[in-house]
């Protein structure tokens, strides 16, 4: 579970990532 930092500060949204590919995409798109 990551805090989607692209949505801050106006929203607090978390993403549940179930695969390594989803984690890679979250890092690549600066969600982390």
ModelCIF file with pLDDT and N, C-alpha, C, O atoms, coordinates in Angstrom:
data_MODEL
#
_entry.id   MODEL 
#
_entity.id                         1 
_entity.type                       polymer 
_entity.pdbx_number_of_molecules   1 
#
_entity_poly.entity_id                      1 
_entity_poly.type                           'polypeptide(L)' 
_entity_poly.nstd_linkage                   no 
_entity_poly.nstd_monomer                   no 
_entity_poly.pdbx_seq_one_letter_code       
;(UNK)(UNK)(UNK)(UNK)(UNK)(UNK)(UNK)(UNK)(UNK)(UNK)(UNK)(UNK)(UNK)(UNK)(UNK)(UNK)
(UNK)(UNK)(UNK)(UNK)(UNK)(UNK)(UNK)(UNK)(UNK)(UNK)(UNK)(UNK)(UNK)(UNK)(UNK)(UNK)
;
_entity_poly.pdbx_seq_one_letter_code_can   XXXXXXXXXXXXXXXXXXXXXXXXXXXXXXXX 
_entity_poly.pdbx_strand_id                 A 
#
loop_
_entity_poly_seq.entity_id 
_entity_poly_seq.num 
_entity_poly_seq.mon_id 
_entity_poly_seq.hetero 
1 1  UNK n 
1 2  UNK n 
1 3  UNK n 
1 4  UNK n 
1 5  UNK n 
1 6  UNK n 
1 7  UNK n 
1 8  UNK n 
1 9  UNK n 
1 10 UNK n 
1 11 UNK n 
1 12 UNK n 
1 13 UNK n 
1 14 UNK n 
1 15 UNK n 
1 16 UNK n 
1 17 UNK n 
1 18 UNK n 
1 19 UNK n 
1 20 UNK n 
1 21 UNK n 
1 22 UNK n 
1 23 UNK n 
1 24 UNK n 
1 25 UNK n 
1 26 UNK n 
1 27 UNK n 
1 28 UNK n 
1 29 UNK n 
1 30 UNK n 
1 31 UNK n 
1 32 UNK n 
#
_struct_asym.id          A 
_struct_asym.entity_id   1 
#
loop_
_ma_qa_metric.id 
_ma_qa_metric.mode 
_ma_qa_metric.name 
_ma_qa_metric.software_group_id 
_ma_qa_metric.type 
1 global pLDDT . pLDDT 
2 local  pLDDT . pLDDT 
#
_ma_qa_metric_global.metric_id      1 
_ma_qa_metric_global.metric_value   96.12 
_ma_qa_metric_global.model_id       1 
_ma_qa_metric_global.ordinal_id     1 
#
loop_
_ma_qa_metric_local.label_asym_id 
_ma_qa_metric_local.label_comp_id 
_ma_qa_metric_local.label_seq_id 
_ma_qa_metric_local.metric_id 
_ma_qa_metric_local.metric_value 
_ma_qa_metric_local.model_id 
_ma_qa_metric_local.ordinal_id 
A UNK 1  2 97.00 1 1  
A UNK 2  2 97.00 1 2  
A UNK 3  2 96.00 1 3  
A UNK 4  2 97.00 1 4  
A UNK 5  2 96.00 1 5  
A UNK 6  2 96.00 1 6  
A UNK 7  2 95.00 1 7  
A UNK 8  2 93.00 1 8  
A UNK 9  2 91.00 1 9  
A UNK 10 2 95.00 1 10 
A UNK 11 2 94.00 1 11 
A UNK 12 2 93.00 1 12 
A UNK 13 2 95.00 1 13 
A UNK 14 2 95.00 1 14 
A UNK 15 2 97.00 1 15 
A UNK 16 2 97.00 1 16 
A UNK 17 2 97.00 1 17 
A UNK 18 2 96.00 1 18 
A UNK 19 2 95.00 1 19 
A UNK 20 2 95.00 1 20 
A UNK 21 2 96.00 1 21 
A UNK 22 2 97.00 1 22 
A UNK 23 2 98.00 1 23 
A UNK 24 2 97.00 1 24 
A UNK 25 2 98.00 1 25 
A UNK 26 2 98.00 1 26 
A UNK 27 2 98.00 1 27 
A UNK 28 2 98.00 1 28 
A UNK 29 2 98.00 1 29 
A UNK 30 2 97.00 1 30 
A UNK 31 2 98.00 1 31 
A UNK 32 2 96.00 1 32 
#
loop_
_atom_site.group_PDB 
_atom_site.id 
_atom_site.type_symbol 
_atom_site.label_atom_id 
_atom_site.label_alt_id 
_atom_site.label_comp_id 
_atom_site.label_asym_id 
_atom_site.label_entity_id 
_atom_site.label_seq_id 
_atom_site.pdbx_PDB_ins_code 
_atom_site.Cartn_x 
_atom_site.Cartn_y 
_atom_site.Cartn_z 
_atom_site.occupancy 
_atom_site.B_iso_or_equiv 
_atom_site.pdbx_formal_charge 
_atom_site.auth_seq_id 
_atom_site.auth_comp_id 
_atom_site.auth_asym_id 
_atom_site.auth_atom_id 
_atom_site.pdbx_PDB_model_num 
ATOM 1   N N  . UNK A 1 1  ? 0.859  -1.187 0.000   1.00 97.00 ? 1  UNK A N  1 
ATOM 2   C CA . UNK A 1 1  ? 0.000  0.000  0.000   1.00 97.00 ? 1  UNK A CA 1 
ATOM 3   C C  . UNK A 1 1  ? 0.893  1.233  0.000   1.00 97.00 ? 1  UNK A C  1 
ATOM 4   O O  . UNK A 1 1  ? 1.770  1.380  0.851   1.00 97.00 ? 1  UNK A O  1 
ATOM 5   N N  . UNK A 1 2  ? 0.658  2.113  -0.962  1.00 97.00 ? 2  UNK A N  1 
ATOM 6   C CA . UNK A 1 2  ? 1.439  3.344  -1.030  1.00 97.00 ? 2  UNK A CA 1 
ATOM 7   C C  . UNK A 1 2  ? 0.509  4.553  -0.970  1.00 97.00 ? 2  UNK A C  1 
ATOM 8   O O  . UNK A 1 2  ? -0.640 4.497  -1.409  1.00 97.00 ? 2  UNK A O  1 
ATOM 9   N N  . UNK A 1 3  ? 1.021  5.621  -0.428  1.00 96.00 ? 3  UNK A N  1 
ATOM 10  C CA . UNK A 1 3  ? 0.354  6.912  -0.471  1.00 96.00 ? 3  UNK A CA 1 
ATOM 11  C C  . UNK A 1 3  ? 0.665  7.508  -1.838  1.00 96.00 ? 3  UNK A C  1 
ATOM 12  O O  . UNK A 1 3  ? 1.830  7.736  -2.164  1.00 96.00 ? 3  UNK A O  1 
ATOM 13  N N  . UNK A 1 4  ? -0.358 7.761  -2.634  1.00 97.00 ? 4  UNK A N  1 
ATOM 14  C CA . UNK A 1 4  ? -0.169 8.312  -3.982  1.00 97.00 ? 4  UNK A CA 1 
ATOM 15  C C  . UNK A 1 4  ? 0.221  9.779  -3.856  1.00 97.00 ? 4  UNK A C  1 
ATOM 16  O O  . UNK A 1 4  ? -0.633 10.644 -3.661  1.00 97.00 ? 4  UNK A O  1 
ATOM 17  N N  . UNK A 1 5  ? 1.501  10.048 -3.968  1.00 96.00 ? 5  UNK A N  1 
ATOM 18  C CA . UNK A 1 5  ? 2.010  11.389 -3.737  1.00 96.00 ? 5  UNK A CA 1 
ATOM 19  C C  . UNK A 1 5  ? 1.701  12.352 -4.879  1.00 96.00 ? 5  UNK A C  1 
ATOM 20  O O  . UNK A 1 5  ? 1.898  13.560 -4.746  1.00 96.00 ? 5  UNK A O  1 
ATOM 21  N N  . UNK A 1 6  ? 1.217  11.820 -6.000  1.00 96.00 ? 6  UNK A N  1 
ATOM 22  C CA . UNK A 1 6  ? 0.802  12.702 -7.097  1.00 96.00 ? 6  UNK A CA 1 
ATOM 23  C C  . UNK A 1 6  ? -0.464 13.465 -6.740  1.00 96.00 ? 6  UNK A C  1 
ATOM 24  O O  . UNK A 1 6  ? -0.730 14.526 -7.305  1.00 96.00 ? 6  UNK A O  1 
ATOM 25  N N  . UNK A 1 7  ? -1.244 12.935 -5.811  1.00 95.00 ? 7  UNK A N  1 
ATOM 26  C CA . UNK A 1 7  ? -2.538 13.523 -5.461  1.00 95.00 ? 7  UNK A CA 1 
ATOM 27  C C  . UNK A 1 7  ? -2.458 14.507 -4.301  1.00 95.00 ? 7  UNK A C  1 
ATOM 28  O O  . UNK A 1 7  ? -3.421 15.223 -4.026  1.00 95.00 ? 7  UNK A O  1 
ATOM 29  N N  . UNK A 1 8  ? -1.324 14.544 -3.623  1.00 93.00 ? 8  UNK A N  1 
ATOM 30  C CA . UNK A 1 8  ? -1.147 15.463 -2.505  1.00 93.00 ? 8  UNK A CA 1 
ATOM 31  C C  . UNK A 1 8  ? -0.975 16.887 -3.006  1.00 93.00 ? 8  UNK A C  1 
ATOM 32  O O  . UNK A 1 8  ? -0.474 17.038 -4.120  1.00 93.00 ? 8  UNK A O  1 
ATOM 33  N N  . UNK A 1 9  ? -1.331 17.916 -2.313  1.00 91.00 ? 9  UNK A N  1 
ATOM 34  C CA . UNK A 1 9  ? -1.887 17.941 -0.973  1.00 91.00 ? 9  UNK A CA 1 
ATOM 35  C C  . UNK A 1 9  ? -3.417 17.961 -0.946  1.00 91.00 ? 9  UNK A C  1 
ATOM 36  O O  . UNK A 1 9  ? -4.016 17.932 0.129   1.00 91.00 ? 9  UNK A O  1 
ATOM 37  N N  . UNK A 1 10 ? -4.050 18.010 -2.121  1.00 95.00 ? 10 UNK A N  1 
ATOM 38  C CA . UNK A 1 10 ? -5.507 18.167 -2.131  1.00 95.00 ? 10 UNK A CA 1 
ATOM 39  C C  . UNK A 1 10 ? -6.275 16.910 -1.741  1.00 95.00 ? 10 UNK A C  1 
ATOM 40  O O  . UNK A 1 10 ? -7.397 17.001 -1.244  1.00 95.00 ? 10 UNK A O  1 
ATOM 41  N N  . UNK A 1 11 ? -5.681 15.731 -1.962  1.00 94.00 ? 11 UNK A N  1 
ATOM 42  C CA . UNK A 1 11 ? -6.340 14.476 -1.626  1.00 94.00 ? 11 UNK A CA 1 
ATOM 43  C C  . UNK A 1 11 ? -5.349 13.527 -0.976  1.00 94.00 ? 11 UNK A C  1 
ATOM 44  O O  . UNK A 1 11 ? -4.154 13.560 -1.270  1.00 94.00 ? 11 UNK A O  1 
ATOM 45  N N  . UNK A 1 12 ? -5.857 12.684 -0.092  1.00 93.00 ? 12 UNK A N  1 
ATOM 46  C CA . UNK A 1 12 ? -5.062 11.594 0.470   1.00 93.00 ? 12 UNK A CA 1 
ATOM 47  C C  . UNK A 1 12 ? -5.620 10.309 -0.118  1.00 93.00 ? 12 UNK A C  1 
ATOM 48  O O  . UNK A 1 12 ? -6.704 9.858  0.254   1.00 93.00 ? 12 UNK A O  1 
ATOM 49  N N  . UNK A 1 13 ? -4.861 9.724  -1.044  1.00 95.00 ? 13 UNK A N  1 
ATOM 50  C CA . UNK A 1 13 ? -5.292 8.527  -1.764  1.00 95.00 ? 13 UNK A CA 1 
ATOM 51  C C  . UNK A 1 13 ? -4.215 7.465  -1.623  1.00 95.00 ? 13 UNK A C  1 
ATOM 52  O O  . UNK A 1 13 ? -3.029 7.749  -1.793  1.00 95.00 ? 13 UNK A O  1 
ATOM 53  N N  . UNK A 1 14 ? -4.627 6.242  -1.313  1.00 95.00 ? 14 UNK A N  1 
ATOM 54  C CA . UNK A 1 14 ? -3.682 5.135  -1.265  1.00 95.00 ? 14 UNK A CA 1 
ATOM 55  C C  . UNK A 1 14 ? -3.953 4.198  -2.431  1.00 95.00 ? 14 UNK A C  1 
ATOM 56  O O  . UNK A 1 14 ? -5.077 4.097  -2.922  1.00 95.00 ? 14 UNK A O  1 
ATOM 57  N N  . UNK A 1 15 ? -2.900 3.515  -2.863  1.00 97.00 ? 15 UNK A N  1 
ATOM 58  C CA . UNK A 1 15 ? -2.996 2.512  -3.914  1.00 97.00 ? 15 UNK A CA 1 
ATOM 59  C C  . UNK A 1 15 ? -2.531 1.184  -3.351  1.00 97.00 ? 15 UNK A C  1 
ATOM 60  O O  . UNK A 1 15 ? -1.496 1.123  -2.687  1.00 97.00 ? 15 UNK A O  1 
ATOM 61  N N  . UNK A 1 16 ? -3.277 0.121  -3.603  1.00 97.00 ? 16 UNK A N  1 
ATOM 62  C CA . UNK A 1 16 ? -2.867 -1.222 -3.224  1.00 97.00 ? 16 UNK A CA 1 
ATOM 63  C C  . UNK A 1 16 ? -2.279 -1.898 -4.453  1.00 97.00 ? 16 UNK A C  1 
ATOM 64  O O  . UNK A 1 16 ? -2.971 -2.100 -5.451  1.00 97.00 ? 16 UNK A O  1 
ATOM 65  N N  . UNK A 1 17 ? -1.008 -2.243 -4.376  1.00 97.00 ? 17 UNK A N  1 
ATOM 66  C CA . UNK A 1 17 ? -0.265 -2.802 -5.495  1.00 97.00 ? 17 UNK A CA 1 
ATOM 67  C C  . UNK A 1 17 ? -0.016 -4.281 -5.231  1.00 97.00 ? 17 UNK A C  1 
ATOM 68  O O  . UNK A 1 17 ? 0.637  -4.633 -4.248  1.00 97.00 ? 17 UNK A O  1 
ATOM 69  N N  . UNK A 1 18 ? -0.523 -5.138 -6.084  1.00 96.00 ? 18 UNK A N  1 
ATOM 70  C CA . UNK A 1 18 ? -0.452 -6.574 -5.849  1.00 96.00 ? 18 UNK A CA 1 
ATOM 71  C C  . UNK A 1 18 ? 0.634  -7.301 -6.606  1.00 96.00 ? 18 UNK A C  1 
ATOM 72  O O  . UNK A 1 18 ? 0.862  -8.488 -6.371  1.00 96.00 ? 18 UNK A O  1 
ATOM 73  N N  . UNK A 1 19 ? 1.318  -6.604 -7.521  1.00 95.00 ? 19 UNK A N  1 
ATOM 74  C CA . UNK A 1 19 ? 2.381  -7.252 -8.298  1.00 95.00 ? 19 UNK A CA 1 
ATOM 75  C C  . UNK A 1 19 ? 3.607  -6.345 -8.357  1.00 95.00 ? 19 UNK A C  1 
ATOM 76  O O  . UNK A 1 19 ? 3.525  -5.141 -8.113  1.00 95.00 ? 19 UNK A O  1 
ATOM 77  N N  . UNK A 1 20 ? 4.721  -6.941 -8.682  1.00 95.00 ? 20 UNK A N  1 
ATOM 78  C CA . UNK A 1 20 ? 5.935  -6.140 -8.812  1.00 95.00 ? 20 UNK A CA 1 
ATOM 79  C C  . UNK A 1 20 ? 5.814  -5.160 -9.975  1.00 95.00 ? 20 UNK A C  1 
ATOM 80  O O  . UNK A 1 20 ? 6.387  -4.072 -9.920  1.00 95.00 ? 20 UNK A O  1 
ATOM 81  N N  . UNK A 1 21 ? 5.077  -5.527 -11.032 1.00 96.00 ? 21 UNK A N  1 
ATOM 82  C CA . UNK A 1 21 ? 4.884  -4.611 -12.157 1.00 96.00 ? 21 UNK A CA 1 
ATOM 83  C C  . UNK A 1 21 ? 4.112  -3.359 -11.739 1.00 96.00 ? 21 UNK A C  1 
ATOM 84  O O  . UNK A 1 21 ? 4.403  -2.261 -12.214 1.00 96.00 ? 21 UNK A O  1 
ATOM 85  N N  . UNK A 1 22 ? 3.134  -3.522 -10.857 1.00 97.00 ? 22 UNK A N  1 
ATOM 86  C CA . UNK A 1 22 ? 2.400  -2.363 -10.360 1.00 97.00 ? 22 UNK A CA 1 
ATOM 87  C C  . UNK A 1 22 ? 3.293  -1.473 -9.509  1.00 97.00 ? 22 UNK A C  1 
ATOM 88  O O  . UNK A 1 22 ? 3.169  -0.248 -9.546  1.00 97.00 ? 22 UNK A O  1 
ATOM 89  N N  . UNK A 1 23 ? 4.189  -2.079 -8.746  1.00 98.00 ? 23 UNK A N  1 
ATOM 90  C CA . UNK A 1 23 ? 5.133  -1.297 -7.939  1.00 98.00 ? 23 UNK A CA 1 
ATOM 91  C C  . UNK A 1 23 ? 6.075  -0.516 -8.852  1.00 98.00 ? 23 UNK A C  1 
ATOM 92  O O  . UNK A 1 23 ? 6.332  0.667  -8.624  1.00 98.00 ? 23 UNK A O  1 
ATOM 93  N N  . UNK A 1 24 ? 6.585  -1.178 -9.880  1.00 97.00 ? 24 UNK A N  1 
ATOM 94  C CA . UNK A 1 24 ? 7.468  -0.507 -10.839 1.00 97.00 ? 24 UNK A CA 1 
ATOM 95  C C  . UNK A 1 24 ? 6.749  0.680  -11.478 1.00 97.00 ? 24 UNK A C  1 
ATOM 96  O O  . UNK A 1 24 ? 7.329  1.759  -11.604 1.00 97.00 ? 24 UNK A O  1 
ATOM 97  N N  . UNK A 1 25 ? 5.504  0.491  -11.878 1.00 98.00 ? 25 UNK A N  1 
ATOM 98  C CA . UNK A 1 25 ? 4.732  1.572  -12.509 1.00 98.00 ? 25 UNK A CA 1 
ATOM 99  C C  . UNK A 1 25 ? 4.511  2.727  -11.534 1.00 98.00 ? 25 UNK A C  1 
ATOM 100 O O  . UNK A 1 25 ? 4.582  3.890  -11.932 1.00 98.00 ? 25 UNK A O  1 
ATOM 101 N N  . UNK A 1 26 ? 4.247  2.426  -10.277 1.00 98.00 ? 26 UNK A N  1 
ATOM 102 C CA . UNK A 1 26 ? 4.059  3.478  -9.279  1.00 98.00 ? 26 UNK A CA 1 
ATOM 103 C C  . UNK A 1 26 ? 5.337  4.294  -9.099  1.00 98.00 ? 26 UNK A C  1 
ATOM 104 O O  . UNK A 1 26 ? 5.284  5.515  -8.953  1.00 98.00 ? 26 UNK A O  1 
ATOM 105 N N  . UNK A 1 27 ? 6.469  3.622  -9.110  1.00 98.00 ? 27 UNK A N  1 
ATOM 106 C CA . UNK A 1 27 ? 7.749  4.331  -8.995  1.00 98.00 ? 27 UNK A CA 1 
ATOM 107 C C  . UNK A 1 27 ? 8.002  5.152  -10.262 1.00 98.00 ? 27 UNK A C  1 
ATOM 108 O O  . UNK A 1 27 ? 8.403  6.313  -10.184 1.00 98.00 ? 27 UNK A O  1 
ATOM 109 N N  . UNK A 1 28 ? 7.767  4.549  -11.416 1.00 98.00 ? 28 UNK A N  1 
ATOM 110 C CA . UNK A 1 28 ? 8.020  5.213  -12.695 1.00 98.00 ? 28 UNK A CA 1 
ATOM 111 C C  . UNK A 1 28 ? 7.177  6.474  -12.870 1.00 98.00 ? 28 UNK A C  1 
ATOM 112 O O  . UNK A 1 28 ? 7.648  7.467  -13.425 1.00 98.00 ? 28 UNK A O  1 
ATOM 113 N N  . UNK A 1 29 ? 5.939  6.434  -12.399 1.00 98.00 ? 29 UNK A N  1 
ATOM 114 C CA . UNK A 1 29 ? 5.025  7.567  -12.585 1.00 98.00 ? 29 UNK A CA 1 
ATOM 115 C C  . UNK A 1 29 ? 5.047  8.541  -11.413 1.00 98.00 ? 29 UNK A C  1 
ATOM 116 O O  . UNK A 1 29 ? 4.220  9.451  -11.344 1.00 98.00 ? 29 UNK A O  1 
ATOM 117 N N  . UNK A 1 30 ? 5.988  8.354  -10.492 1.00 97.00 ? 30 UNK A N  1 
ATOM 118 C CA . UNK A 1 30 ? 6.196  9.234  -9.342  1.00 97.00 ? 30 UNK A CA 1 
ATOM 119 C C  . UNK A 1 30 ? 5.044  9.224  -8.345  1.00 97.00 ? 30 UNK A C  1 
ATOM 120 O O  . UNK A 1 30 ? 4.821  10.211 -7.643  1.00 97.00 ? 30 UNK A O  1 
ATOM 121 N N  . UNK A 1 31 ? 4.310  8.110  -8.280  1.00 98.00 ? 31 UNK A N  1 
ATOM 122 C CA . UNK A 1 31 ? 3.332  7.959  -7.206  1.00 98.00 ? 31 UNK A CA 1 
ATOM 123 C C  . UNK A 1 31 ? 4.074  7.794  -5.886  1.00 98.00 ? 31 UNK A C  1 
ATOM 124 O O  . UNK A 1 31 ? 3.565  8.149  -4.823  1.00 98.00 ? 31 UNK A O  1 
ATOM 125 N N  . UNK A 1 32 ? 5.291  7.247  -5.971  1.00 96.00 ? 32 UNK A N  1 
ATOM 126 C CA . UNK A 1 32 ? 6.188  7.131  -4.817  1.00 96.00 ? 32 UNK A CA 1 
ATOM 127 C C  . UNK A 1 32 ? 7.349  8.075  -5.087  1.00 96.00 ? 32 UNK A C  1 
ATOM 128 O O  . UNK A 1 32 ? 8.264  8.178  -4.269  1.00 96.00 ? 32 UNK A O  1 
#
